[in-house]
Amino acid sequence: MKARSVTSGSFYGKNRAAILFNKNLLISGVAGFLSSAYVSQLFFGFERNEFANSVIALATEYATYLPLFAILFYLDNRQKYVDQSGKRDSKAIFTDIKKLLASFSVSEIVFSVARVGSQYGLLRLEIEPYEASMLGSLTAWGLFFVSINIMAKITRLHKK
């Protein structure tokens, strides 16, 4: 039996949806990461409450990354939401929205708890707020990427 070689084209073709999904998470995550670090440092100049700072940083990260992710996800998948006649396929849109909500629900809880908990703990150690925000965010994003990809697989988000 001859071994079949896997070319980058076939790998990409088979995993295109997952690759684009993770690319969109990464781009939107970096934008949220940077904005939350900036706001965390600004907020610390006005209020030295570690917990409030952690929550404000989390809210800023969400306010940046969620809308950006939604736009990028739609742009990468818009051809999937048009039927044979060229009309919008509402059923496909709603199916993906349900799968995204299911995938994000568990992952966002993991992210939020890890993000606030780690930043709060780091601020209590008297680390600079922007550093605490960045380290807390990196920790939370690592856990988030694992959980969101597991949930996407469970919900069959990338299946046609």
N, C-alpha and C. Protein backbone atom coordinates (compact mmCIF):
# COMPACT_ATOMS: atom_id res chain seq x y z
N MET A 1 0.85 -1.17 0.00
CA MET A 1 0.00 0.00 0.00
C MET A 1 0.89 1.23 0.00
N LYS A 2 0.66 2.14 -0.91
CA LYS A 2 1.48 3.33 -1.06
C LYS A 2 1.01 4.43 -0.10
N ALA A 3 1.96 5.03 0.60
CA ALA A 3 1.62 6.10 1.53
C ALA A 3 1.23 7.35 0.75
N ARG A 4 0.19 7.98 1.18
CA ARG A 4 -0.30 9.19 0.52
C ARG A 4 0.35 10.41 1.16
N SER A 5 0.94 11.26 0.36
CA SER A 5 1.56 12.46 0.92
C SER A 5 0.50 13.54 1.08
N VAL A 6 0.70 14.32 2.10
CA VAL A 6 -0.23 15.42 2.37
C VAL A 6 0.46 16.70 1.95
N THR A 7 -0.12 17.36 0.97
CA THR A 7 0.45 18.64 0.53
C THR A 7 -0.20 19.77 1.31
N SER A 8 0.47 20.91 1.29
CA SER A 8 -0.08 22.04 2.03
C SER A 8 -1.44 22.45 1.45
N GLY A 9 -1.61 22.29 0.14
CA GLY A 9 -2.89 22.63 -0.48
C GLY A 9 -4.02 21.77 0.03
N SER A 10 -3.79 20.47 0.13
CA SER A 10 -4.86 19.59 0.60
C SER A 10 -5.11 19.79 2.10
N PHE A 11 -4.06 20.06 2.84
CA PHE A 11 -4.23 20.34 4.27
C PHE A 11 -5.05 21.60 4.45
N TYR A 12 -4.69 22.65 3.72
CA TYR A 12 -5.42 23.91 3.80
C TYR A 12 -6.87 23.73 3.35
N GLY A 13 -7.04 22.99 2.27
CA GLY A 13 -8.39 22.77 1.75
C GLY A 13 -9.28 22.07 2.76
N LYS A 14 -8.73 21.09 3.43
CA LYS A 14 -9.50 20.34 4.43
C LYS A 14 -9.76 21.14 5.70
N ASN A 15 -8.84 22.03 6.03
CA ASN A 15 -8.92 22.76 7.30
C ASN A 15 -9.13 24.26 7.13
N ARG A 16 -9.55 24.67 5.94
CA ARG A 16 -9.69 26.09 5.63
C ARG A 16 -10.57 26.82 6.64
N ALA A 17 -11.72 26.27 6.94
CA ALA A 17 -12.66 26.93 7.85
C ALA A 17 -12.05 27.10 9.24
N ALA A 18 -11.39 26.08 9.75
CA ALA A 18 -10.77 26.16 11.08
C ALA A 18 -9.60 27.15 11.07
N ILE A 19 -8.84 27.17 9.99
CA ILE A 19 -7.71 28.09 9.89
C ILE A 19 -8.21 29.53 9.85
N LEU A 20 -9.22 29.80 9.04
CA LEU A 20 -9.78 31.16 8.97
C LEU A 20 -10.42 31.56 10.29
N PHE A 21 -11.09 30.63 10.94
CA PHE A 21 -11.71 30.88 12.25
C PHE A 21 -10.65 31.31 13.26
N ASN A 22 -9.57 30.56 13.33
CA ASN A 22 -8.50 30.88 14.27
C ASN A 22 -7.76 32.17 13.89
N LYS A 23 -7.63 32.43 12.59
CA LYS A 23 -7.02 33.69 12.13
C LYS A 23 -7.87 34.86 12.62
N ASN A 24 -9.18 34.75 12.48
CA ASN A 24 -10.08 35.82 12.92
C ASN A 24 -10.03 36.01 14.43
N LEU A 25 -9.96 34.90 15.17
CA LEU A 25 -9.82 34.99 16.62
C LEU A 25 -8.52 35.70 16.99
N LEU A 26 -7.45 35.36 16.30
CA LEU A 26 -6.15 35.94 16.59
C LEU A 26 -6.11 37.44 16.29
N ILE A 27 -6.60 37.84 15.13
CA ILE A 27 -6.59 39.26 14.76
C ILE A 27 -7.45 40.07 15.74
N SER A 28 -8.66 39.61 15.98
CA SER A 28 -9.54 40.34 16.89
C SER A 28 -9.01 40.28 18.32
N GLY A 29 -8.39 39.17 18.68
CA GLY A 29 -7.82 39.04 20.02
C GLY A 29 -6.67 40.00 20.25
N VAL A 30 -5.82 40.17 19.26
CA VAL A 30 -4.69 41.12 19.38
C VAL A 30 -5.22 42.54 19.56
N ALA A 31 -6.25 42.90 18.80
CA ALA A 31 -6.83 44.23 18.93
C ALA A 31 -7.41 44.43 20.33
N GLY A 32 -8.13 43.43 20.84
CA GLY A 32 -8.68 43.50 22.18
C GLY A 32 -7.60 43.54 23.24
N PHE A 33 -6.57 42.74 23.04
CA PHE A 33 -5.42 42.67 23.95
C PHE A 33 -4.76 44.04 24.11
N LEU A 34 -4.48 44.68 23.00
CA LEU A 34 -3.81 45.99 23.05
C LEU A 34 -4.71 47.07 23.64
N SER A 35 -5.97 47.06 23.26
CA SER A 35 -6.88 48.08 23.78
C SER A 35 -7.10 47.92 25.29
N SER A 36 -7.19 46.69 25.77
CA SER A 36 -7.42 46.49 27.20
C SER A 36 -6.19 46.86 28.03
N ALA A 37 -5.00 46.61 27.50
CA ALA A 37 -3.78 47.01 28.22
C ALA A 37 -3.71 48.53 28.35
N TYR A 38 -4.05 49.22 27.27
CA TYR A 38 -4.03 50.68 27.28
C TYR A 38 -5.05 51.24 28.27
N VAL A 39 -6.28 50.72 28.22
CA VAL A 39 -7.34 51.20 29.11
C VAL A 39 -7.02 50.85 30.56
N SER A 40 -6.43 49.70 30.80
CA SER A 40 -6.07 49.30 32.16
C SER A 40 -5.06 50.28 32.76
N GLN A 41 -4.08 50.66 31.96
CA GLN A 41 -3.08 51.61 32.45
C GLN A 41 -3.72 52.98 32.69
N LEU A 42 -4.58 53.43 31.79
CA LEU A 42 -5.27 54.71 31.96
C LEU A 42 -6.14 54.70 33.22
N PHE A 43 -6.91 53.62 33.38
CA PHE A 43 -7.82 53.51 34.51
C PHE A 43 -7.06 53.54 35.84
N PHE A 44 -5.90 52.93 35.87
CA PHE A 44 -5.10 52.89 37.09
C PHE A 44 -4.67 54.29 37.54
N GLY A 45 -4.55 55.22 36.61
CA GLY A 45 -4.23 56.60 36.95
C GLY A 45 -5.36 57.30 37.68
N PHE A 46 -6.59 56.82 37.50
CA PHE A 46 -7.75 57.43 38.14
C PHE A 46 -8.21 56.67 39.38
N GLU A 47 -8.09 55.38 39.32
CA GLU A 47 -8.61 54.51 40.40
C GLU A 47 -7.66 53.35 40.61
N ARG A 48 -7.29 53.10 41.85
CA ARG A 48 -6.32 52.04 42.14
C ARG A 48 -7.00 50.77 42.67
N ASN A 49 -8.21 50.54 42.25
CA ASN A 49 -8.96 49.35 42.65
C ASN A 49 -8.63 48.22 41.67
N GLU A 50 -7.93 47.19 42.15
CA GLU A 50 -7.46 46.12 41.28
C GLU A 50 -8.61 45.35 40.62
N PHE A 51 -9.66 45.08 41.38
CA PHE A 51 -10.77 44.32 40.82
C PHE A 51 -11.50 45.13 39.75
N ALA A 52 -11.77 46.40 40.04
CA ALA A 52 -12.43 47.26 39.05
C ALA A 52 -11.58 47.38 37.80
N ASN A 53 -10.29 47.50 37.96
CA ASN A 53 -9.38 47.59 36.83
C ASN A 53 -9.46 46.33 35.98
N SER A 54 -9.49 45.19 36.62
CA SER A 54 -9.57 43.91 35.92
C SER A 54 -10.87 43.79 35.12
N VAL A 55 -11.97 44.22 35.70
CA VAL A 55 -13.27 44.14 35.04
C VAL A 55 -13.34 45.14 33.88
N ILE A 56 -12.83 46.35 34.07
CA ILE A 56 -12.80 47.35 32.99
C ILE A 56 -11.95 46.84 31.83
N ALA A 57 -10.82 46.23 32.13
CA ALA A 57 -9.96 45.68 31.08
C ALA A 57 -10.67 44.57 30.32
N LEU A 58 -11.38 43.71 31.03
CA LEU A 58 -12.14 42.64 30.39
C LEU A 58 -13.23 43.22 29.48
N ALA A 59 -13.96 44.20 29.98
CA ALA A 59 -15.03 44.83 29.18
C ALA A 59 -14.46 45.48 27.93
N THR A 60 -13.32 46.13 28.06
CA THR A 60 -12.68 46.77 26.90
C THR A 60 -12.26 45.72 25.88
N GLU A 61 -11.70 44.63 26.37
CA GLU A 61 -11.27 43.57 25.46
C GLU A 61 -12.46 43.00 24.69
N TYR A 62 -13.56 42.74 25.39
CA TYR A 62 -14.76 42.24 24.73
C TYR A 62 -15.33 43.25 23.73
N ALA A 63 -15.36 44.51 24.13
CA ALA A 63 -15.93 45.56 23.26
C ALA A 63 -15.13 45.72 21.97
N THR A 64 -13.88 45.34 22.01
CA THR A 64 -13.04 45.43 20.82
C THR A 64 -13.10 44.15 20.01
N TYR A 65 -12.89 43.02 20.67
CA TYR A 65 -12.69 41.78 19.93
C TYR A 65 -13.98 41.16 19.39
N LEU A 66 -15.08 41.23 20.10
CA LEU A 66 -16.31 40.59 19.61
C LEU A 66 -16.83 41.19 18.30
N PRO A 67 -16.99 42.52 18.22
CA PRO A 67 -17.46 43.08 16.94
C PRO A 67 -16.47 42.84 15.79
N LEU A 68 -15.19 42.95 16.10
CA LEU A 68 -14.19 42.73 15.06
C LEU A 68 -14.21 41.27 14.59
N PHE A 69 -14.33 40.33 15.52
CA PHE A 69 -14.42 38.92 15.14
C PHE A 69 -15.65 38.68 14.26
N ALA A 70 -16.79 39.23 14.66
CA ALA A 70 -18.03 39.02 13.89
C ALA A 70 -17.87 39.52 12.45
N ILE A 71 -17.27 40.67 12.28
CA ILE A 71 -17.06 41.21 10.94
C ILE A 71 -16.13 40.32 10.13
N LEU A 72 -15.00 39.93 10.72
CA LEU A 72 -14.03 39.09 10.01
C LEU A 72 -14.62 37.72 9.67
N PHE A 73 -15.35 37.13 10.61
CA PHE A 73 -15.96 35.83 10.38
C PHE A 73 -16.95 35.90 9.22
N TYR A 74 -17.77 36.94 9.23
CA TYR A 74 -18.74 37.09 8.14
C TYR A 74 -18.04 37.27 6.80
N LEU A 75 -17.02 38.12 6.76
CA LEU A 75 -16.31 38.37 5.50
C LEU A 75 -15.69 37.08 4.94
N ASP A 76 -15.14 36.26 5.81
CA ASP A 76 -14.53 35.00 5.37
C ASP A 76 -15.55 33.95 4.95
N ASN A 77 -16.77 34.06 5.44
CA ASN A 77 -17.77 33.01 5.21
C ASN A 77 -18.99 33.48 4.43
N ARG A 78 -18.98 34.70 3.91
CA ARG A 78 -20.18 35.23 3.27
C ARG A 78 -20.66 34.41 2.08
N GLN A 79 -19.75 33.77 1.35
CA GLN A 79 -20.16 32.95 0.21
C GLN A 79 -20.97 31.74 0.67
N LYS A 80 -20.76 31.33 1.89
CA LYS A 80 -21.49 30.20 2.46
C LYS A 80 -22.95 30.55 2.74
N TYR A 81 -23.25 31.84 2.82
CA TYR A 81 -24.59 32.29 3.18
C TYR A 81 -25.41 32.75 1.98
N VAL A 82 -25.04 32.27 0.80
CA VAL A 82 -25.79 32.58 -0.41
C VAL A 82 -26.20 31.24 -1.04
N ASP A 83 -27.49 31.12 -1.35
CA ASP A 83 -27.96 29.85 -1.93
C ASP A 83 -27.70 29.82 -3.44
N GLN A 84 -28.16 28.77 -4.09
CA GLN A 84 -27.91 28.56 -5.52
C GLN A 84 -28.45 29.69 -6.39
N SER A 85 -29.53 30.31 -5.95
CA SER A 85 -30.15 31.37 -6.76
C SER A 85 -29.51 32.73 -6.52
N GLY A 86 -28.56 32.81 -5.60
CA GLY A 86 -27.89 34.07 -5.31
C GLY A 86 -28.53 34.86 -4.18
N LYS A 87 -29.56 34.29 -3.56
CA LYS A 87 -30.23 34.96 -2.44
C LYS A 87 -29.57 34.55 -1.12
N ARG A 88 -29.75 35.41 -0.14
CA ARG A 88 -29.21 35.13 1.19
C ARG A 88 -29.89 33.90 1.77
N ASP A 89 -29.07 32.99 2.32
CA ASP A 89 -29.56 31.75 2.93
C ASP A 89 -29.65 31.95 4.44
N SER A 90 -30.81 32.43 4.88
CA SER A 90 -31.01 32.74 6.30
C SER A 90 -30.83 31.53 7.19
N LYS A 91 -31.23 30.37 6.69
CA LYS A 91 -31.11 29.14 7.49
C LYS A 91 -29.64 28.85 7.79
N ALA A 92 -28.76 29.00 6.81
CA ALA A 92 -27.33 28.76 7.02
C ALA A 92 -26.75 29.77 8.00
N ILE A 93 -27.20 31.01 7.90
CA ILE A 93 -26.73 32.05 8.82
C ILE A 93 -27.12 31.71 10.24
N PHE A 94 -28.41 31.39 10.45
CA PHE A 94 -28.87 31.09 11.80
C PHE A 94 -28.26 29.81 12.36
N THR A 95 -28.01 28.84 11.51
CA THR A 95 -27.35 27.61 11.95
C THR A 95 -25.95 27.92 12.47
N ASP A 96 -25.21 28.73 11.72
CA ASP A 96 -23.86 29.09 12.16
C ASP A 96 -23.89 29.97 13.41
N ILE A 97 -24.86 30.86 13.51
CA ILE A 97 -24.96 31.70 14.71
C ILE A 97 -25.19 30.82 15.94
N LYS A 98 -26.06 29.82 15.81
CA LYS A 98 -26.31 28.91 16.94
C LYS A 98 -25.04 28.15 17.32
N LYS A 99 -24.31 27.68 16.31
CA LYS A 99 -23.07 26.95 16.58
C LYS A 99 -22.02 27.87 17.21
N LEU A 100 -21.94 29.10 16.72
CA LEU A 100 -20.99 30.07 17.31
C LEU A 100 -21.35 30.37 18.76
N LEU A 101 -22.64 30.58 19.03
CA LEU A 101 -23.06 30.86 20.40
C LEU A 101 -22.74 29.69 21.33
N ALA A 102 -22.98 28.49 20.86
CA ALA A 102 -22.66 27.31 21.66
C ALA A 102 -21.16 27.19 21.89
N SER A 103 -20.39 27.44 20.84
CA SER A 103 -18.93 27.34 20.95
C SER A 103 -18.36 28.41 21.87
N PHE A 104 -18.87 29.62 21.74
CA PHE A 104 -18.35 30.72 22.53
C PHE A 104 -18.82 30.68 23.98
N SER A 105 -19.99 30.12 24.25
CA SER A 105 -20.54 30.19 25.61
C SER A 105 -19.60 29.61 26.65
N VAL A 106 -19.17 28.40 26.47
CA VAL A 106 -18.26 27.77 27.43
C VAL A 106 -16.90 28.47 27.42
N SER A 107 -16.42 28.76 26.24
CA SER A 107 -15.09 29.36 26.09
C SER A 107 -15.01 30.75 26.71
N GLU A 108 -16.07 31.51 26.61
CA GLU A 108 -16.07 32.86 27.19
C GLU A 108 -16.08 32.82 28.72
N ILE A 109 -16.73 31.83 29.28
CA ILE A 109 -16.69 31.68 30.74
C ILE A 109 -15.27 31.36 31.18
N VAL A 110 -14.64 30.43 30.48
CA VAL A 110 -13.24 30.09 30.77
C VAL A 110 -12.37 31.34 30.65
N PHE A 111 -12.54 32.08 29.56
CA PHE A 111 -11.74 33.27 29.32
C PHE A 111 -11.96 34.32 30.41
N SER A 112 -13.22 34.62 30.73
CA SER A 112 -13.53 35.68 31.69
C SER A 112 -12.97 35.38 33.08
N VAL A 113 -13.18 34.18 33.54
CA VAL A 113 -12.68 33.81 34.87
C VAL A 113 -11.16 33.85 34.91
N ALA A 114 -10.53 33.29 33.88
CA ALA A 114 -9.06 33.30 33.84
C ALA A 114 -8.52 34.71 33.70
N ARG A 115 -9.17 35.54 32.91
CA ARG A 115 -8.70 36.90 32.64
C ARG A 115 -8.77 37.76 33.89
N VAL A 116 -9.94 37.81 34.50
CA VAL A 116 -10.11 38.65 35.69
C VAL A 116 -9.28 38.10 36.86
N GLY A 117 -9.32 36.80 37.04
CA GLY A 117 -8.58 36.20 38.15
C GLY A 117 -7.08 36.41 38.05
N SER A 118 -6.53 36.19 36.88
CA SER A 118 -5.08 36.35 36.73
C SER A 118 -4.66 37.81 36.80
N GLN A 119 -5.43 38.73 36.18
CA GLN A 119 -5.05 40.13 36.25
C GLN A 119 -5.19 40.66 37.68
N TYR A 120 -6.24 40.28 38.35
CA TYR A 120 -6.43 40.70 39.73
C TYR A 120 -5.26 40.23 40.59
N GLY A 121 -4.89 38.97 40.46
CA GLY A 121 -3.77 38.43 41.24
C GLY A 121 -2.46 39.15 40.93
N LEU A 122 -2.23 39.44 39.65
CA LEU A 122 -1.01 40.15 39.27
C LEU A 122 -1.00 41.59 39.78
N LEU A 123 -2.14 42.25 39.75
CA LEU A 123 -2.20 43.62 40.28
C LEU A 123 -1.96 43.63 41.79
N ARG A 124 -2.41 42.61 42.47
CA ARG A 124 -2.17 42.50 43.93
C ARG A 124 -0.68 42.34 44.22
N LEU A 125 0.07 41.83 43.24
CA LEU A 125 1.52 41.69 43.39
C LEU A 125 2.24 43.00 43.03
N GLU A 126 1.46 44.03 42.74
CA GLU A 126 1.96 45.37 42.41
C GLU A 126 2.75 45.40 41.11
N ILE A 127 2.29 44.64 40.15
CA ILE A 127 2.83 44.69 38.79
C ILE A 127 2.13 45.85 38.08
N GLU A 128 2.82 46.49 37.17
CA GLU A 128 2.22 47.59 36.41
C GLU A 128 0.91 47.13 35.78
N PRO A 129 -0.11 47.97 35.77
CA PRO A 129 -1.41 47.57 35.24
C PRO A 129 -1.39 47.07 33.79
N TYR A 130 -0.64 47.73 32.92
CA TYR A 130 -0.61 47.27 31.53
C TYR A 130 0.06 45.90 31.43
N GLU A 131 1.07 45.64 32.29
CA GLU A 131 1.73 44.33 32.29
C GLU A 131 0.79 43.25 32.83
N ALA A 132 0.08 43.59 33.91
CA ALA A 132 -0.88 42.65 34.49
C ALA A 132 -1.99 42.34 33.49
N SER A 133 -2.43 43.37 32.78
CA SER A 133 -3.47 43.17 31.77
C SER A 133 -2.97 42.26 30.66
N MET A 134 -1.76 42.49 30.19
CA MET A 134 -1.22 41.69 29.10
C MET A 134 -0.98 40.25 29.53
N LEU A 135 -0.40 40.04 30.70
CA LEU A 135 -0.15 38.68 31.17
C LEU A 135 -1.45 37.94 31.46
N GLY A 136 -2.41 38.65 32.06
CA GLY A 136 -3.71 38.04 32.32
C GLY A 136 -4.42 37.67 31.04
N SER A 137 -4.31 38.54 30.07
CA SER A 137 -4.95 38.29 28.78
C SER A 137 -4.29 37.12 28.05
N LEU A 138 -2.97 37.07 28.05
CA LEU A 138 -2.26 35.96 27.40
C LEU A 138 -2.63 34.61 28.03
N THR A 139 -2.70 34.60 29.34
CA THR A 139 -3.09 33.38 30.05
C THR A 139 -4.50 32.96 29.64
N ALA A 140 -5.41 33.92 29.68
CA ALA A 140 -6.81 33.63 29.35
C ALA A 140 -6.97 33.23 27.89
N TRP A 141 -6.23 33.89 26.99
CA TRP A 141 -6.34 33.55 25.57
C TRP A 141 -5.83 32.14 25.28
N GLY A 142 -4.79 31.73 25.97
CA GLY A 142 -4.30 30.37 25.78
C GLY A 142 -5.37 29.35 26.13
N LEU A 143 -6.01 29.54 27.27
CA LEU A 143 -7.10 28.64 27.68
C LEU A 143 -8.30 28.75 26.74
N PHE A 144 -8.58 29.97 26.30
CA PHE A 144 -9.70 30.21 25.40
C PHE A 144 -9.51 29.50 24.07
N PHE A 145 -8.32 29.60 23.47
CA PHE A 145 -8.08 28.97 22.17
C PHE A 145 -8.28 27.47 22.23
N VAL A 146 -7.83 26.87 23.30
CA VAL A 146 -8.03 25.42 23.45
C VAL A 146 -9.52 25.11 23.57
N SER A 147 -10.21 25.82 24.45
CA SER A 147 -11.63 25.51 24.68
C SER A 147 -12.50 25.86 23.47
N ILE A 148 -12.24 26.96 22.78
CA ILE A 148 -13.09 27.33 21.63
C ILE A 148 -12.92 26.33 20.50
N ASN A 149 -11.72 25.84 20.29
CA ASN A 149 -11.51 24.86 19.22
C ASN A 149 -12.14 23.51 19.57
N ILE A 150 -12.10 23.14 20.82
CA ILE A 150 -12.79 21.92 21.25
C ILE A 150 -14.30 22.08 21.05
N MET A 151 -14.84 23.23 21.45
CA MET A 151 -16.27 23.47 21.30
C MET A 151 -16.67 23.56 19.83
N ALA A 152 -15.84 24.16 18.98
CA ALA A 152 -16.15 24.24 17.55
C ALA A 152 -16.21 22.84 16.94
N LYS A 153 -15.33 21.97 17.41
CA LYS A 153 -15.33 20.59 16.92
C LYS A 153 -16.59 19.86 17.41
N ILE A 154 -16.94 20.06 18.67
CA ILE A 154 -18.14 19.41 19.22
C ILE A 154 -19.40 19.88 18.50
N THR A 155 -19.50 21.18 18.23
CA THR A 155 -20.70 21.72 17.57
C THR A 155 -20.67 21.55 16.06
N ARG A 156 -19.54 21.05 15.54
CA ARG A 156 -19.37 20.83 14.10
C ARG A 156 -19.50 22.15 13.33
N LEU A 157 -18.93 23.20 13.89
CA LEU A 157 -19.00 24.54 13.31
C LEU A 157 -18.39 24.57 11.91
N HIS A 158 -17.31 23.83 11.70
CA HIS A 158 -16.59 23.90 10.43
C HIS A 158 -17.06 22.89 9.40
N LYS A 159 -18.13 22.16 9.70
CA LYS A 159 -18.68 21.19 8.74
C LYS A 159 -19.65 21.89 7.83
N LYS A 160 -19.70 21.44 6.59
CA LYS A 160 -20.64 22.04 5.63
C LYS A 160 -21.99 21.42 5.74
